[in-house]
Amino acid sequence: MGHPVNHYLADWTDPALTTIDLEHQLAAKTMVAMLEKRVQGLPLADQERVVRIRPELIVRDSA
């Protein structure tokens, strides 16, 4: 699987632009999972209360 494309034009510019993927999909999935657990009345464990989503540098030709 290749790099996630965080902006659809990044690969189409000349040179292809280096960008940062802020991992919005992962953050959204994590938040929904936490919310579903709370809606079900289940407590969040201490390690579930703080979630760190690390951005990824996507190096392309402009680096």
Protein backbone atom coordinates (compact mmCIF):
# COMPACT_ATOMS: atom_id res chain seq x y z
CA MET A 1 0.00 0.00 0.00
CA GLY A 2 1.39 3.40 -0.95
CA HIS A 3 1.40 6.59 1.03
CA PRO A 4 -1.97 8.03 1.94
CA VAL A 5 -2.77 11.09 -0.14
CA ASN A 6 -3.81 13.88 2.18
CA HIS A 7 -4.53 16.27 -0.68
CA TYR A 8 -5.63 15.02 -4.04
CA LEU A 9 -3.49 17.55 -5.94
CA ALA A 10 -0.19 16.83 -4.14
CA ASP A 11 0.83 14.12 -6.61
CA TRP A 12 -0.30 16.12 -9.66
CA THR A 13 1.79 19.25 -9.24
CA ASP A 14 5.22 19.65 -10.79
CA PRO A 15 7.18 18.93 -8.69
CA ALA A 16 4.91 16.70 -6.59
CA LEU A 17 4.45 18.45 -3.25
CA THR A 18 5.68 17.13 0.07
CA THR A 19 2.80 17.27 2.54
CA ILE A 20 1.78 16.28 6.05
CA ASP A 21 -0.96 13.72 6.57
CA LEU A 22 -2.72 14.68 9.81
CA GLU A 23 -4.33 11.21 10.00
CA HIS A 24 -7.89 12.57 10.03
CA GLN A 25 -9.39 9.16 9.21
CA LEU A 26 -7.58 7.47 12.10
CA ALA A 27 -8.57 10.26 14.48
CA ALA A 28 -12.22 10.03 13.41
CA LYS A 29 -12.32 6.23 13.76
CA THR A 30 -10.73 6.46 17.22
CA MET A 31 -13.17 9.13 18.40
CA VAL A 32 -16.19 7.18 17.11
CA ALA A 33 -14.98 4.02 18.87
CA MET A 34 -14.57 5.96 22.13
CA LEU A 35 -18.02 7.54 21.76
CA GLU A 36 -19.66 4.19 21.01
CA LYS A 37 -18.13 2.74 24.15
CA ARG A 38 -19.44 5.63 26.24
CA VAL A 39 -22.91 5.41 24.66
CA GLN A 40 -23.00 1.73 25.64
CA GLY A 41 -22.33 2.83 29.22
CA LEU A 42 -18.85 1.32 29.33
CA PRO A 43 -16.11 3.23 31.10
CA LEU A 44 -12.92 4.23 29.32
CA ALA A 45 -9.77 2.79 30.84
CA ASP A 46 -7.09 5.30 31.84
CA GLN A 47 -4.95 4.39 28.80
CA GLU A 48 -7.98 5.00 26.52
CA ARG A 49 -8.59 8.55 27.78
CA VAL A 50 -5.54 10.02 26.07
CA VAL A 51 -4.95 9.14 22.44
CA ARG A 52 -1.99 10.38 20.44
CA ILE A 53 -2.44 10.49 16.69
CA ARG A 54 0.91 11.13 15.05
CA PRO A 55 1.00 12.99 11.74
CA GLU A 56 3.03 11.54 8.89
CA LEU A 57 5.33 13.45 6.57
CA ILE A 58 4.73 12.37 2.99
CA VAL A 59 7.92 13.19 1.10
CA ARG A 60 7.48 13.76 -2.60
CA ASP A 61 9.62 15.49 -5.24
CA SER A 62 9.52 18.94 -3.64
CA ALA A 63 11.48 17.91 -0.54
